[in-house]
Amino acid sequence: AKKGNAAALTKELEAAFEKKWGFHSRIMVRDAGWFERLVKDNPYPEVAGEPTKLHAYALEREPTAEETQRLADKCTGPEQFKIKGDVLYLHAPDGL
């Protein structure tokens, strides 16, 4: 949609999904500006054209410092990640 409230649209889509499929599913709505920021804020521009080495994950919300640290503690390989707002960027130098 060109205009509208993301929270209202999310609820509308979740209700329609549940009506059609018979179970609730959480849905995230993002506008074009969000996707533009995802690309602009990429902390790994050197691998932007390598789809097996760079991944961006949409998060429901910005994680807390504690949540981010718990994830960092589990990263023991060559992979690196950075979180910017509600996006987690994963750089996998050896590919996924």
PDB file of N, CA and C in Angstrom:
ATOM      1  N   ALA A   1       0.835  -1.179   0.000  1.00  0.00           N
ATOM      2  CA  ALA A   1       0.000   0.000   0.000  1.00  0.00           C
ATOM      3  C   ALA A   1       0.878   1.239   0.000  1.00  0.00           C
ATOM      4  N   LYS A   2       0.417   2.275  -0.639  1.00  0.00           N
ATOM      5  CA  LYS A   2       1.201   3.507  -0.698  1.00  0.00           C
ATOM      6  C   LYS A   2       1.131   4.274   0.611  1.00  0.00           C
ATOM      7  N   LYS A   3       0.012   4.218   1.301  1.00  0.00           N
ATOM      8  CA  LYS A   3      -0.155   4.933   2.559  1.00  0.00           C
ATOM      9  C   LYS A   3      -0.837   4.014   3.551  1.00  0.00           C
ATOM     10  N   GLY A   4      -0.624   4.299   4.810  1.00  0.00           N
ATOM     11  CA  GLY A   4      -1.325   3.534   5.821  1.00  0.00           C
ATOM     12  C   GLY A   4      -0.486   3.339   7.058  1.00  0.00           C
ATOM     13  N   ASN A   5      -1.113   2.752   8.023  1.00  0.00           N
ATOM     14  CA  ASN A   5      -0.501   2.490   9.304  1.00  0.00           C
ATOM     15  C   ASN A   5       0.017   1.055   9.308  1.00  0.00           C
ATOM     16  N   ALA A   6       1.321   0.878   9.500  1.00  0.00           N
ATOM     17  CA  ALA A   6       1.916  -0.461   9.452  1.00  0.00           C
ATOM     18  C   ALA A   6       1.321  -1.372  10.523  1.00  0.00           C
ATOM     19  N   ALA A   7       1.090  -0.843  11.727  1.00  0.00           N
ATOM     20  CA  ALA A   7       0.537  -1.672  12.807  1.00  0.00           C
ATOM     21  C   ALA A   7      -0.876  -2.146  12.454  1.00  0.00           C
ATOM     22  N   ALA A   8      -1.690  -1.246  11.906  1.00  0.00           N
ATOM     23  CA  ALA A   8      -3.052  -1.616  11.524  1.00  0.00           C
ATOM     24  C   ALA A   8      -3.041  -2.636  10.389  1.00  0.00           C
ATOM     25  N   LEU A   9      -2.164  -2.422   9.414  1.00  0.00           N
ATOM     26  CA  LEU A   9      -2.070  -3.357   8.296  1.00  0.00           C
ATOM     27  C   LEU A   9      -1.592  -4.724   8.772  1.00  0.00           C
ATOM     28  N   THR A  10      -0.667  -4.745   9.720  1.00  0.00           N
ATOM     29  CA  THR A  10      -0.187  -6.009  10.281  1.00  0.00           C
ATOM     30  C   THR A  10      -1.343  -6.782  10.894  1.00  0.00           C
ATOM     31  N   LYS A  11      -2.148  -6.120  11.725  1.00  0.00           N
ATOM     32  CA  LYS A  11      -3.292  -6.780  12.365  1.00  0.00           C
ATOM     33  C   LYS A  11      -4.285  -7.286  11.323  1.00  0.00           C
ATOM     34  N   GLU A  12      -4.526  -6.484  10.300  1.00  0.00           N
ATOM     35  CA  GLU A  12      -5.452  -6.879   9.243  1.00  0.00           C
ATOM     36  C   GLU A  12      -4.950  -8.124   8.507  1.00  0.00           C
ATOM     37  N   LEU A  13      -3.676  -8.139   8.191  1.00  0.00           N
ATOM     38  CA  LEU A  13      -3.104  -9.302   7.496  1.00  0.00           C
ATOM     39  C   LEU A  13      -3.106 -10.544   8.375  1.00  0.00           C
ATOM     40  N   GLU A  14      -2.770 -10.370   9.653  1.00  0.00           N
ATOM     41  CA  GLU A  14      -2.789 -11.519  10.561  1.00  0.00           C
ATOM     42  C   GLU A  14      -4.195 -12.107  10.687  1.00  0.00           C
ATOM     43  N   ALA A  15      -5.200 -11.247  10.779  1.00  0.00           N
ATOM     44  CA  ALA A  15      -6.586 -11.718  10.876  1.00  0.00           C
ATOM     45  C   ALA A  15      -7.005 -12.442   9.601  1.00  0.00           C
ATOM     46  N   ALA A  16      -6.644 -11.898   8.454  1.00  0.00           N
ATOM     47  CA  ALA A  16      -6.998 -12.537   7.181  1.00  0.00           C
ATOM     48  C   ALA A  16      -6.279 -13.878   7.039  1.00  0.00           C
ATOM     49  N   PHE A  17      -5.036 -13.936   7.448  1.00  0.00           N
ATOM     50  CA  PHE A  17      -4.268 -15.184   7.382  1.00  0.00           C
ATOM     51  C   PHE A  17      -4.932 -16.246   8.260  1.00  0.00           C
ATOM     52  N   GLU A  18      -5.271 -15.852   9.491  1.00  0.00           N
ATOM     53  CA  GLU A  18      -5.884 -16.815  10.411  1.00  0.00           C
ATOM     54  C   GLU A  18      -7.243 -17.289   9.889  1.00  0.00           C
ATOM     55  N   LYS A  19      -8.014 -16.383   9.320  1.00  0.00           N
ATOM     56  CA  LYS A  19      -9.319 -16.771   8.768  1.00  0.00           C
ATOM     57  C   LYS A  19      -9.143 -17.768   7.625  1.00  0.00           C
ATOM     58  N   LYS A  20      -8.173 -17.505   6.739  1.00  0.00           N
ATOM     59  CA  LYS A  20      -7.974 -18.375   5.572  1.00  0.00           C
ATOM     60  C   LYS A  20      -7.357 -19.719   5.950  1.00  0.00           C
ATOM     61  N   TRP A  21      -6.338 -19.708   6.831  1.00  0.00           N
ATOM     62  CA  TRP A  21      -5.563 -20.929   7.090  1.00  0.00           C
ATOM     63  C   TRP A  21      -5.907 -21.619   8.409  1.00  0.00           C
ATOM     64  N   GLY A  22      -6.666 -20.957   9.281  1.00  0.00           N
ATOM     65  CA  GLY A  22      -7.124 -21.590  10.502  1.00  0.00           C
ATOM     66  C   GLY A  22      -6.147 -21.548  11.669  1.00  0.00           C
ATOM     67  N   PHE A  23      -5.072 -20.801  11.549  1.00  0.00           N
ATOM     68  CA  PHE A  23      -4.157 -20.641  12.684  1.00  0.00           C
ATOM     69  C   PHE A  23      -3.502 -19.264  12.607  1.00  0.00           C
ATOM     70  N   HIS A  24      -3.073 -18.805  13.772  1.00  0.00           N
ATOM     71  CA  HIS A  24      -2.466 -17.479  13.857  1.00  0.00           C
ATOM     72  C   HIS A  24      -1.001 -17.537  13.452  1.00  0.00           C
ATOM     73  N   SER A  25      -0.564 -16.545  12.720  1.00  0.00           N
ATOM     74  CA  SER A  25       0.845 -16.402  12.352  1.00  0.00           C
ATOM     75  C   SER A  25       1.226 -14.938  12.531  1.00  0.00           C
ATOM     76  N   ARG A  26       2.377 -14.705  13.135  1.00  0.00           N
ATOM     77  CA  ARG A  26       2.858 -13.335  13.279  1.00  0.00           C
ATOM     78  C   ARG A  26       3.402 -12.869  11.935  1.00  0.00           C
ATOM     79  N   ILE A  27       3.016 -11.658  11.565  1.00  0.00           N
ATOM     80  CA  ILE A  27       3.396 -11.082  10.280  1.00  0.00           C
ATOM     81  C   ILE A  27       4.076  -9.746  10.546  1.00  0.00           C
ATOM     82  N   MET A  28       5.120  -9.458   9.792  1.00  0.00           N
ATOM     83  CA  MET A  28       5.797  -8.169   9.891  1.00  0.00           C
ATOM     84  C   MET A  28       5.535  -7.389   8.614  1.00  0.00           C
ATOM     85  N   VAL A  29       5.233  -6.115   8.767  1.00  0.00           N
ATOM     86  CA  VAL A  29       5.004  -5.230   7.631  1.00  0.00           C
ATOM     87  C   VAL A  29       6.130  -4.198   7.621  1.00  0.00           C
ATOM     88  N   ARG A  30       6.736  -4.022   6.473  1.00  0.00           N
ATOM     89  CA  ARG A  30       7.790  -3.026   6.300  1.00  0.00           C
ATOM     90  C   ARG A  30       7.467  -2.177   5.083  1.00  0.00           C
ATOM     91  N   ASP A  31       7.813  -0.902   5.147  1.00  0.00           N
ATOM     92  CA  ASP A  31       7.564  -0.038   3.999  1.00  0.00           C
ATOM     93  C   ASP A  31       8.823   0.063   3.141  1.00  0.00           C
ATOM     94  N   ALA A  32       8.692   0.722   2.002  1.00  0.00           N
ATOM     95  CA  ALA A  32       9.815   0.824   1.064  1.00  0.00           C
ATOM     96  C   ALA A  32      11.003   1.537   1.701  1.00  0.00           C
ATOM     97  N   GLY A  33      10.738   2.522   2.543  1.00  0.00           N
ATOM     98  CA  GLY A  33      11.815   3.232   3.225  1.00  0.00           C
ATOM     99  C   GLY A  33      12.641   2.315   4.104  1.00  0.00           C
ATOM    100  N   TRP A  34      11.983   1.356   4.739  1.00  0.00           N
ATOM    101  CA  TRP A  34      12.698   0.382   5.565  1.00  0.00           C
ATOM    102  C   TRP A  34      13.672  -0.423   4.708  1.00  0.00           C
ATOM    103  N   PHE A  35      13.223  -0.875   3.549  1.00  0.00           N
ATOM    104  CA  PHE A  35      14.103  -1.641   2.666  1.00  0.00           C
ATOM    105  C   PHE A  35      15.235  -0.784   2.120  1.00  0.00           C
ATOM    106  N   GLU A  36      14.946   0.475   1.853  1.00  0.00           N
ATOM    107  CA  GLU A  36      16.004   1.383   1.397  1.00  0.00           C
ATOM    108  C   GLU A  36      17.067   1.552   2.482  1.00  0.00           C
ATOM    109  N   ARG A  37      16.628   1.691   3.746  1.00  0.00           N
ATOM    110  CA  ARG A  37      17.587   1.794   4.855  1.00  0.00           C
ATOM    111  C   ARG A  37      18.373   0.496   5.024  1.00  0.00           C
ATOM    112  N   LEU A  38      17.720  -0.637   4.827  1.00  0.00           N
ATOM    113  CA  LEU A  38      18.411  -1.926   4.935  1.00  0.00           C
ATOM    114  C   LEU A  38      19.604  -1.961   3.992  1.00  0.00           C
ATOM    115  N   VAL A  39      19.411  -1.505   2.768  1.00  0.00           N
ATOM    116  CA  VAL A  39      20.494  -1.494   1.782  1.00  0.00           C
ATOM    117  C   VAL A  39      21.528  -0.421   2.130  1.00  0.00           C
ATOM    118  N   LYS A  40      21.068   0.771   2.449  1.00  0.00           N
ATOM    119  CA  LYS A  40      21.974   1.889   2.737  1.00  0.00           C
ATOM    120  C   LYS A  40      22.836   1.626   3.966  1.00  0.00           C
ATOM    121  N   ASP A  41      22.270   0.989   4.981  1.00  0.00           N
ATOM    122  CA  ASP A  41      22.976   0.775   6.247  1.00  0.00           C
ATOM    123  C   ASP A  41      23.825  -0.488   6.277  1.00  0.00           C
ATOM    124  N   ASN A  42      23.919  -1.204   5.163  1.00  0.00           N
ATOM    125  CA  ASN A  42      24.695  -2.447   5.106  1.00  0.00           C
ATOM    126  C   ASN A  42      26.121  -2.203   5.608  1.00  0.00           C
ATOM    127  N   PRO A  43      26.525  -2.867   6.698  1.00  0.00           N
ATOM    128  CA  PRO A  43      27.873  -2.662   7.222  1.00  0.00           C
ATOM    129  C   PRO A  43      28.944  -3.466   6.483  1.00  0.00           C
ATOM    130  N   TYR A  44      28.539  -4.268   5.518  1.00  0.00           N
ATOM    131  CA  TYR A  44      29.467  -5.102   4.744  1.00  0.00           C
ATOM    132  C   TYR A  44      29.322  -4.829   3.250  1.00  0.00           C
ATOM    133  N   PRO A  45      29.514  -3.595   2.800  1.00  0.00           N
ATOM    134  CA  PRO A  45      29.297  -3.273   1.383  1.00  0.00           C
ATOM    135  C   PRO A  45      30.238  -4.030   0.447  1.00  0.00           C
ATOM    136  N   GLU A  46      31.373  -4.464   0.941  1.00  0.00           N
ATOM    137  CA  GLU A  46      32.337  -5.173   0.090  1.00  0.00           C
ATOM    138  C   GLU A  46      31.816  -6.526  -0.386  1.00  0.00           C
ATOM    139  N   VAL A  47      30.801  -7.073   0.273  1.00  0.00           N
ATOM    140  CA  VAL A  47      30.247  -8.365  -0.163  1.00  0.00           C
ATOM    141  C   VAL A  47      28.776  -8.241  -0.559  1.00  0.00           C
ATOM    142  N   ALA A  48      28.319  -7.018  -0.821  1.00  0.00           N
ATOM    143  CA  ALA A  48      26.909  -6.794  -1.151  1.00  0.00           C
ATOM    144  C   ALA A  48      26.459  -7.578  -2.378  1.00  0.00           C
ATOM    145  N   GLY A  49      27.348  -7.845  -3.312  1.00  0.00           N
ATOM    146  CA  GLY A  49      26.981  -8.576  -4.526  1.00  0.00           C
ATOM    147  C   GLY A  49      27.204 -10.067  -4.437  1.00  0.00           C
ATOM    148  N   GLU A  50      27.479 -10.576  -3.245  1.00  0.00           N
ATOM    149  CA  GLU A  50      27.754 -12.005  -3.073  1.00  0.00           C
ATOM    150  C   GLU A  50      26.681 -12.629  -2.181  1.00  0.00           C
ATOM    151  N   PRO A  51      25.615 -13.160  -2.774  1.00  0.00           N
ATOM    152  CA  PRO A  51      24.456 -13.608  -2.000  1.00  0.00           C
ATOM    153  C   PRO A  51      24.718 -14.772  -1.046  1.00  0.00           C
ATOM    154  N   THR A  52      25.803 -15.512  -1.220  1.00  0.00           N
ATOM    155  CA  THR A  52      26.067 -16.580  -0.251  1.00  0.00           C
ATOM    156  C   THR A  52      26.857 -16.073   0.948  1.00  0.00           C
ATOM    157  N   LYS A  53      27.358 -14.835   0.868  1.00  0.00           N
ATOM    158  CA  LYS A  53      28.210 -14.307   1.936  1.00  0.00           C
ATOM    159  C   LYS A  53      27.562 -13.209   2.771  1.00  0.00           C
ATOM    160  N   LEU A  54      26.480 -12.640   2.281  1.00  0.00           N
ATOM    161  CA  LEU A  54      25.811 -11.573   3.020  1.00  0.00           C
ATOM    162  C   LEU A  54      24.328 -11.873   3.118  1.00  0.00           C
ATOM    163  N   HIS A  55      23.836 -11.797   4.332  1.00  0.00           N
ATOM    164  CA  HIS A  55      22.416 -12.059   4.590  1.00  0.00           C
ATOM    165  C   HIS A  55      21.901 -10.976   5.524  1.00  0.00           C
ATOM    166  N   ALA A  56      20.683 -10.537   5.304  1.00  0.00           N
ATOM    167  CA  ALA A  56      20.042  -9.554   6.177  1.00  0.00           C
ATOM    168  C   ALA A  56      18.743 -10.172   6.676  1.00  0.00           C
ATOM    169  N   TYR A  57      18.563 -10.116   7.974  1.00  0.00           N
ATOM    170  CA  TYR A  57      17.382 -10.700   8.604  1.00  0.00           C
ATOM    171  C   TYR A  57      16.549  -9.603   9.251  1.00  0.00           C
ATOM    172  N   ALA A  58      15.271  -9.565   8.929  1.00  0.00           N
ATOM    173  CA  ALA A  58      14.347  -8.612   9.538  1.00  0.00           C
ATOM    174  C   ALA A  58      13.976  -9.134  10.920  1.00  0.00           C
ATOM    175  N   LEU A  59      14.131  -8.287  11.913  1.00  0.00           N
ATOM    176  CA  LEU A  59      13.776  -8.634  13.282  1.00  0.00           C
ATOM    177  C   LEU A  59      12.484  -7.921  13.661  1.00  0.00           C
ATOM    178  N   GLU A  60      11.726  -8.497  14.558  1.00  0.00           N
ATOM    179  CA  GLU A  60      10.491  -7.841  14.989  1.00  0.00           C
ATOM    180  C   GLU A  60      10.764  -6.536  15.733  1.00  0.00           C
ATOM    181  N   ARG A  61      11.921  -6.470  16.367  1.00  0.00           N
ATOM    182  CA  ARG A  61      12.290  -5.284  17.140  1.00  0.00           C
ATOM    183  C   ARG A  61      13.800  -5.284  17.296  1.00  0.00           C
ATOM    184  N   GLU A  62      14.324  -4.164  17.723  1.00  0.00           N
ATOM    185  CA  GLU A  62      15.748  -4.086  18.016  1.00  0.00           C
ATOM    186  C   GLU A  62      16.030  -4.913  19.268  1.00  0.00           C
ATOM    187  N   PRO A  63      16.996  -5.824  19.214  1.00  0.00           N
ATOM    188  CA  PRO A  63      17.289  -6.637  20.392  1.00  0.00           C
ATOM    189  C   PRO A  63      17.985  -5.835  21.478  1.00  0.00           C
ATOM    190  N   THR A  64      17.868  -6.316  22.692  1.00  0.00           N
ATOM    191  CA  THR A  64      18.559  -5.676  23.809  1.00  0.00           C
ATOM    192  C   THR A  64      20.048  -6.008  23.733  1.00  0.00           C
ATOM    193  N   ALA A  65      20.841  -5.270  24.493  1.00  0.00           N
ATOM    194  CA  ALA A  65      22.288  -5.540  24.546  1.00  0.00           C
ATOM    195  C   ALA A  65      22.540  -6.965  25.050  1.00  0.00           C
ATOM    196  N   GLU A  66      21.756  -7.405  26.010  1.00  0.00           N
ATOM    197  CA  GLU A  66      21.915  -8.768  26.544  1.00  0.00           C
ATOM    198  C   GLU A  66      21.611  -9.816  25.473  1.00  0.00           C
ATOM    199  N   GLU A  67      20.549  -9.616  24.716  1.00  0.00           N
ATOM    200  CA  GLU A  67      20.206 -10.561  23.649  1.00  0.00           C
ATOM    201  C   GLU A  67      21.303 -10.608  22.594  1.00  0.00           C
ATOM    202  N   THR A  68      21.810  -9.436  22.235  1.00  0.00           N
ATOM    203  CA  THR A  68      22.879  -9.373  21.241  1.00  0.00           C
ATOM    204  C   THR A  68      24.127 -10.075  21.752  1.00  0.00           C
ATOM    205  N   GLN A  69      24.458  -9.892  23.016  1.00  0.00           N
ATOM    206  CA  GLN A  69      25.641 -10.534  23.586  1.00  0.00           C
ATOM    207  C   GLN A  69      25.493 -12.052  23.616  1.00  0.00           C
ATOM    208  N   ARG A  70      24.295 -12.540  23.936  1.00  0.00           N
ATOM    209  CA  ARG A  70      24.073 -13.997  23.934  1.00  0.00           C
ATOM    210  C   ARG A  70      24.326 -14.576  22.545  1.00  0.00           C
ATOM    211  N   LEU A  71      23.918 -13.868  21.514  1.00  0.00           N
ATOM    212  CA  LEU A  71      24.170 -14.324  20.154  1.00  0.00           C
ATOM    213  C   LEU A  71      25.662 -14.249  19.845  1.00  0.00           C
ATOM    214  N   ALA A  72      26.302 -13.159  20.225  1.00  0.00           N
ATOM    215  CA  ALA A  72      27.738 -12.997  19.976  1.00  0.00           C
ATOM    216  C   ALA A  72      28.537 -14.108  20.646  1.00  0.00           C
ATOM    217  N   ASP A  73      28.111 -14.528  21.832  1.00  0.00           N
ATOM    218  CA  ASP A  73      28.804 -15.598  22.549  1.00  0.00           C
ATOM    219  C   ASP A  73      28.752 -16.925  21.797  1.00  0.00           C
ATOM    220  N   LYS A  74      27.749 -17.111  20.967  1.00  0.00           N
ATOM    221  CA  LYS A  74      27.597 -18.359  20.199  1.00  0.00           C
ATOM    222  C   LYS A  74      28.344 -18.327  18.870  1.00  0.00           C
ATOM    223  N   CYS A  75      28.815 -17.179  18.451  1.00  0.00           N
ATOM    224  CA  CYS A  75      29.526 -17.048  17.175  1.00  0.00           C
ATOM    225  C   CYS A  75      30.988 -17.427  17.373  1.00  0.00           C
ATOM    226  N   THR A  76      31.328 -18.620  16.946  1.00  0.00           N
ATOM    227  CA  THR A  76      32.695 -19.103  17.154  1.00  0.00           C
ATOM    228  C   THR A  76      33.439 -19.338  15.848  1.00  0.00           C
ATOM    229  N   GLY A  77      32.767 -19.225  14.732  1.00  0.00           N
ATOM    230  CA  GLY A  77      33.392 -19.442  13.430  1.00  0.00           C
ATOM    231  C   GLY A  77      33.815 -18.137  12.805  1.00  0.00           C
ATOM    232  N   PRO A  78      34.040 -18.161  11.512  1.00  0.00           N
ATOM    233  CA  PRO A  78      34.488 -16.942  10.830  1.00  0.00           C
ATOM    234  C   PRO A  78      33.356 -15.935  10.581  1.00  0.00           C
ATOM    235  N   GLU A  79      32.110 -16.337  10.823  1.00  0.00           N
ATOM    236  CA  GLU A  79      30.983 -15.440  10.570  1.00  0.00           C
ATOM    237  C   GLU A  79      31.005 -14.256  11.538  1.00  0.00           C
ATOM    238  N   GLN A  80      30.512 -13.136  11.044  1.00  0.00           N
ATOM    239  CA  GLN A  80      30.372 -11.929  11.854  1.00  0.00           C
ATOM    240  C   GLN A  80      28.968 -11.392  11.652  1.00  0.00           C
ATOM    241  N   PHE A  81      28.462 -10.697  12.643  1.00  0.00           N
ATOM    242  CA  PHE A  81      27.167 -10.054  12.468  1.00  0.00           C
ATOM    243  C   PHE A  81      27.198  -8.673  13.080  1.00  0.00           C
ATOM    244  N   LYS A  82      26.332  -7.834  12.567  1.00  0.00           N
ATOM    245  CA  LYS A  82      26.089  -6.517  13.129  1.00  0.00           C
ATOM    246  C   LYS A  82      24.591  -6.300  13.108  1.00  0.00           C
ATOM    247  N   ILE A  83      24.108  -5.668  14.140  1.00  0.00           N
ATOM    248  CA  ILE A  83      22.688  -5.355  14.230  1.00  0.00           C
ATOM    249  C   ILE A  83      22.532  -3.852  14.155  1.00  0.00           C
ATOM    250  N   LYS A  84      21.679  -3.421  13.256  1.00  0.00           N
ATOM    251  CA  LYS A  84      21.350  -2.008  13.119  1.00  0.00           C
ATOM    252  C   LYS A  84      19.841  -1.887  13.219  1.00  0.00           C
ATOM    253  N   GLY A  85      19.392  -1.422  14.372  1.00  0.00           N
ATOM    254  CA  GLY A  85      17.951  -1.309  14.583  1.00  0.00           C
ATOM    255  C   GLY A  85      17.309  -2.681  14.596  1.00  0.00           C
ATOM    256  N   ASP A  86      16.384  -2.881  13.682  1.00  0.00           N
ATOM    257  CA  ASP A  86      15.680  -4.168  13.619  1.00  0.00           C
ATOM    258  C   ASP A  86      16.143  -5.018  12.437  1.00  0.00           C
ATOM    259  N   VAL A  87      17.421  -4.881  12.078  1.00  0.00           N
ATOM    260  CA  VAL A  87      18.008  -5.699  11.006  1.00  0.00           C
ATOM    261  C   VAL A  87      19.299  -6.331  11.523  1.00  0.00           C
ATOM    262  N   LEU A  88      19.434  -7.619  11.324  1.00  0.00           N
ATOM    263  CA  LEU A  88      20.680  -8.321  11.617  1.00  0.00           C
ATOM    264  C   LEU A  88      21.357  -8.618  10.294  1.00  0.00           C
ATOM    265  N   TYR A  89      22.574  -8.123  10.137  1.00  0.00           N
ATOM    266  CA  TYR A  89      23.376  -8.375   8.944  1.00  0.00           C
ATOM    267  C   TYR A  89      24.378  -9.462   9.303  1.00  0.00           C
ATOM    268  N   LEU A  90      24.411 -10.516   8.520  1.00  0.00           N
ATOM    269  CA  LEU A  90      25.336 -11.623   8.750  1.00  0.00           C
ATOM    270  C   LEU A  90      26.319 -11.710   7.592  1.00  0.00           C
ATOM    271  N   HIS A  91      27.603 -11.639   7.921  1.00  0.00           N
ATOM    272  CA  HIS A  91      28.645 -11.812   6.919  1.00  0.00           C
ATOM    273  C   HIS A  91      29.256 -13.185   7.140  1.00  0.00           C
ATOM    274  N   ALA A  92      29.119 -14.050   6.158  1.00  0.00           N
ATOM    275  CA  ALA A  92      29.677 -15.405   6.199  1.00  0.00           C
ATOM    276  C   ALA A  92      30.757 -15.482   5.125  1.00  0.00           C
ATOM    277  N   PRO A  93      32.032 -15.210   5.490  1.00  0.00           N
ATOM    278  CA  PRO A  93      33.092 -15.131   4.479  1.00  0.00           C
ATOM    279  C   PRO A  93      33.283 -16.418   3.676  1.00  0.00           C
ATOM    280  N   ASP A  94      32.951 -17.555   4.271  1.00  0.00           N
ATOM    281  CA  ASP A  94      33.067 -18.830   3.560  1.00  0.00           C
ATOM    282  C   ASP A  94      31.769 -19.229   2.868  1.00  0.00           C
ATOM    283  N   GLY A  95      30.757 -18.387   2.983  1.00  0.00           N
ATOM    284  CA  GLY A  95      29.452 -18.658   2.378  1.00  0.00           C
ATOM    285  C   GLY A  95      28.588 -19.522   3.264  1.00  0.00           C
ATOM    286  N   LEU A  96      27.318 -19.550   2.943  1.00  0.00           N
ATOM    287  CA  LEU A  96      26.351 -20.403   3.657  1.00  0.00           C
ATOM    288  C   LEU A  96      25.783 -21.399   2.690  1.00  0.00           C
TER     289      LEU A  96
END
